[in-house]
Amino acid sequence: MVIKGENEGRGRERLKIMAKKAWRERNKRKAETVKRYAAIRAELKARHDYAGLAKLPRDASPSRVVNRCAMSGRRHGYLRKFGVSRLTFREAALNGLIPGIVKASW
């Protein structure tokens, strides 16, 4: 999905690219699978039963869940402290939507 930005008057058009809904839903499904199998995985790891771990679904592994921006769904450039991507963070900070964050000047 492409959304036109507010800066059309500057001579160039800024575009925001948002993640597809399917990608976001797939990530939610993976997170649910991780929760469902967490106890079983912990038990198998404690017993060092790696053959049993291999029989679990791939999406049961927590490393398969991707951190995504809460606003755009972007997966790269994710800032954990704020839960958004660097691009969304920059826009929100410049618009004054994040308390305590100001543009640096010296």
C-alpha atoms as a PDB file:
ATOM      1  CA  MET A   1       0.000   0.000   0.000  1.00  0.00           C
ATOM      2  CA  VAL A   2       1.396   3.403  -0.925  1.00  0.00           C
ATOM      3  CA  ILE A   3       0.297   6.580   0.822  1.00  0.00           C
ATOM      4  CA  LYS A   4       1.181  10.032  -0.425  1.00  0.00           C
ATOM      5  CA  GLY A   5       2.999  12.187   2.114  1.00  0.00           C
ATOM      6  CA  GLU A   6       2.272  15.770   3.126  1.00  0.00           C
ATOM      7  CA  ASN A   7       5.357  17.263   1.472  1.00  0.00           C
ATOM      8  CA  GLU A   8       4.186  17.484  -2.136  1.00  0.00           C
ATOM      9  CA  GLY A   9       4.926  21.235  -2.215  1.00  0.00           C
ATOM     10  CA  ARG A  10       8.694  20.735  -1.904  1.00  0.00           C
ATOM     11  CA  GLY A  11       9.145  19.560  -5.462  1.00  0.00           C
ATOM     12  CA  ARG A  12       9.276  15.874  -4.749  1.00  0.00           C
ATOM     13  CA  GLU A  13       6.655  13.476  -3.552  1.00  0.00           C
ATOM     14  CA  ARG A  14       7.330  11.490  -0.393  1.00  0.00           C
ATOM     15  CA  LEU A  15       5.884   8.012  -0.217  1.00  0.00           C
ATOM     16  CA  LYS A  16       5.295   5.718   2.724  1.00  0.00           C
ATOM     17  CA  ILE A  17       5.422   2.034   1.927  1.00  0.00           C
ATOM     18  CA  MET A  18       3.410  -0.095   4.304  1.00  0.00           C
ATOM     19  CA  ALA A  19       3.761  -3.824   4.869  1.00  0.00           C
ATOM     20  CA  LYS A  20       1.191  -6.055   3.277  1.00  0.00           C
ATOM     21  CA  LYS A  21      -1.563  -7.257   5.542  1.00  0.00           C
ATOM     22  CA  ALA A  22      -0.610 -10.887   4.888  1.00  0.00           C
ATOM     23  CA  TRP A  23       2.902 -10.304   6.282  1.00  0.00           C
ATOM     24  CA  ARG A  24       1.515  -8.777   9.459  1.00  0.00           C
ATOM     25  CA  GLU A  25      -1.027 -11.579   9.888  1.00  0.00           C
ATOM     26  CA  ARG A  26       1.618 -14.236   9.307  1.00  0.00           C
ATOM     27  CA  ASN A  27       3.755 -12.694  12.043  1.00  0.00           C
ATOM     28  CA  LYS A  28       0.773 -12.704  14.444  1.00  0.00           C
ATOM     29  CA  ARG A  29       0.159 -16.363  13.650  1.00  0.00           C
ATOM     30  CA  LYS A  30       3.824 -17.175  14.367  1.00  0.00           C
ATOM     31  CA  ALA A  31       3.625 -15.360  17.729  1.00  0.00           C
ATOM     32  CA  GLU A  32       0.544 -17.381  18.692  1.00  0.00           C
ATOM     33  CA  THR A  33       2.292 -20.632  17.722  1.00  0.00           C
ATOM     34  CA  VAL A  34       5.312 -19.692  19.845  1.00  0.00           C
ATOM     35  CA  LYS A  35       3.038 -19.118  22.874  1.00  0.00           C
ATOM     36  CA  ARG A  36       1.217 -22.406  22.300  1.00  0.00           C
ATOM     37  CA  TYR A  37       4.419 -24.487  22.197  1.00  0.00           C
ATOM     38  CA  ALA A  38       6.504 -22.539  24.772  1.00  0.00           C
ATOM     39  CA  ALA A  39       6.002 -25.019  27.629  1.00  0.00           C
ATOM     40  CA  ILE A  40       6.646 -28.054  25.417  1.00  0.00           C
ATOM     41  CA  ARG A  41       9.809 -26.459  23.982  1.00  0.00           C
ATOM     42  CA  ALA A  42      11.113 -25.621  27.468  1.00  0.00           C
ATOM     43  CA  GLU A  43      10.539 -29.200  28.630  1.00  0.00           C
ATOM     44  CA  LEU A  44      12.244 -30.718  25.584  1.00  0.00           C
ATOM     45  CA  LYS A  45      15.205 -28.363  25.916  1.00  0.00           C
ATOM     46  CA  ALA A  46      15.582 -29.195  29.615  1.00  0.00           C
ATOM     47  CA  ARG A  47      15.720 -32.923  28.711  1.00  0.00           C
ATOM     48  CA  HIS A  48      18.128 -32.207  25.796  1.00  0.00           C
ATOM     49  CA  ASP A  49      15.676 -33.978  23.481  1.00  0.00           C
ATOM     50  CA  TYR A  50      16.664 -32.321  20.234  1.00  0.00           C
ATOM     51  CA  ALA A  51      14.940 -34.952  18.122  1.00  0.00           C
ATOM     52  CA  GLY A  52      11.671 -34.019  19.828  1.00  0.00           C
ATOM     53  CA  LEU A  53      12.364 -30.343  19.209  1.00  0.00           C
ATOM     54  CA  ALA A  54      12.891 -31.060  15.524  1.00  0.00           C
ATOM     55  CA  LYS A  55       9.424 -32.635  15.319  1.00  0.00           C
ATOM     56  CA  LEU A  56       7.718 -29.430  16.495  1.00  0.00           C
ATOM     57  CA  PRO A  57       6.471 -26.967  13.871  1.00  0.00           C
ATOM     58  CA  ARG A  58       9.076 -24.535  12.562  1.00  0.00           C
ATOM     59  CA  ASP A  59       6.988 -21.564  13.619  1.00  0.00           C
ATOM     60  CA  ALA A  60       7.156 -22.764  17.239  1.00  0.00           C
ATOM     61  CA  SER A  61      10.662 -21.304  17.475  1.00  0.00           C
ATOM     62  CA  PRO A  62      10.729 -17.774  18.961  1.00  0.00           C
ATOM     63  CA  SER A  63      13.478 -16.728  16.547  1.00  0.00           C
ATOM     64  CA  ARG A  64      10.986 -16.887  13.662  1.00  0.00           C
ATOM     65  CA  VAL A  65       8.892 -14.019  15.034  1.00  0.00           C
ATOM     66  CA  VAL A  66       9.972 -10.700  13.519  1.00  0.00           C
ATOM     67  CA  ASN A  67       9.850  -7.334  15.264  1.00  0.00           C
ATOM     68  CA  ARG A  68       7.661  -5.074  13.138  1.00  0.00           C
ATOM     69  CA  CYS A  69       6.821  -1.380  13.287  1.00  0.00           C
ATOM     70  CA  ALA A  70       3.490  -0.825  15.021  1.00  0.00           C
ATOM     71  CA  MET A  71       2.454   1.827  12.487  1.00  0.00           C
ATOM     72  CA  SER A  72       3.827   0.779   9.103  1.00  0.00           C
ATOM     73  CA  GLY A  73       4.659  -2.894   9.652  1.00  0.00           C
ATOM     74  CA  ARG A  74       8.240  -2.382   8.436  1.00  0.00           C
ATOM     75  CA  ARG A  75      10.667  -5.023   9.695  1.00  0.00           C
ATOM     76  CA  HIS A  76      14.020  -3.339   9.041  1.00  0.00           C
ATOM     77  CA  GLY A  77      15.319  -0.421  11.074  1.00  0.00           C
ATOM     78  CA  TYR A  78      13.150  -1.362  14.082  1.00  0.00           C
ATOM     79  CA  LEU A  79      13.738   0.534  17.356  1.00  0.00           C
ATOM     80  CA  ARG A  80      12.811  -1.733  20.277  1.00  0.00           C
ATOM     81  CA  LYS A  81      12.512   1.058  22.826  1.00  0.00           C
ATOM     82  CA  PHE A  82       9.761   2.756  20.832  1.00  0.00           C
ATOM     83  CA  GLY A  83       8.274  -0.181  18.917  1.00  0.00           C
ATOM     84  CA  VAL A  84       8.477   1.582  15.551  1.00  0.00           C
ATOM     85  CA  SER A  85      10.828   1.746  12.572  1.00  0.00           C
ATOM     86  CA  ARG A  86      13.420   4.496  12.220  1.00  0.00           C
ATOM     87  CA  LEU A  87      11.390   6.230   9.513  1.00  0.00           C
ATOM     88  CA  THR A  88       8.189   6.301  11.557  1.00  0.00           C
ATOM     89  CA  PHE A  89      10.170   7.372  14.632  1.00  0.00           C
ATOM     90  CA  ARG A  90      11.707  10.287  12.743  1.00  0.00           C
ATOM     91  CA  GLU A  91       8.351  11.517  11.467  1.00  0.00           C
ATOM     92  CA  ALA A  92       6.715  11.182  14.886  1.00  0.00           C
ATOM     93  CA  ALA A  93       9.619  12.934  16.618  1.00  0.00           C
ATOM     94  CA  LEU A  94       9.605  15.843  14.164  1.00  0.00           C
ATOM     95  CA  ASN A  95       5.835  16.232  14.624  1.00  0.00           C
ATOM     96  CA  GLY A  96       6.257  16.257  18.418  1.00  0.00           C
ATOM     97  CA  LEU A  97       4.334  13.019  18.981  1.00  0.00           C
ATOM     98  CA  ILE A  98       7.043  11.437  21.158  1.00  0.00           C
ATOM     99  CA  PRO A  99       7.484  13.234  24.484  1.00  0.00           C
ATOM    100  CA  GLY A 100      11.047  14.121  25.440  1.00  0.00           C
ATOM    101  CA  ILE A 101      12.460  13.687  21.930  1.00  0.00           C
ATOM    102  CA  VAL A 102      13.765  16.821  20.215  1.00  0.00           C
ATOM    103  CA  LYS A 103      15.897  17.300  17.143  1.00  0.00           C
ATOM    104  CA  ALA A 104      19.562  17.692  17.991  1.00  0.00           C
ATOM    105  CA  SER A 105      21.207  21.030  17.331  1.00  0.00           C
ATOM    106  CA  TRP A 106      24.580  22.307  18.530  1.00  0.00           C
END
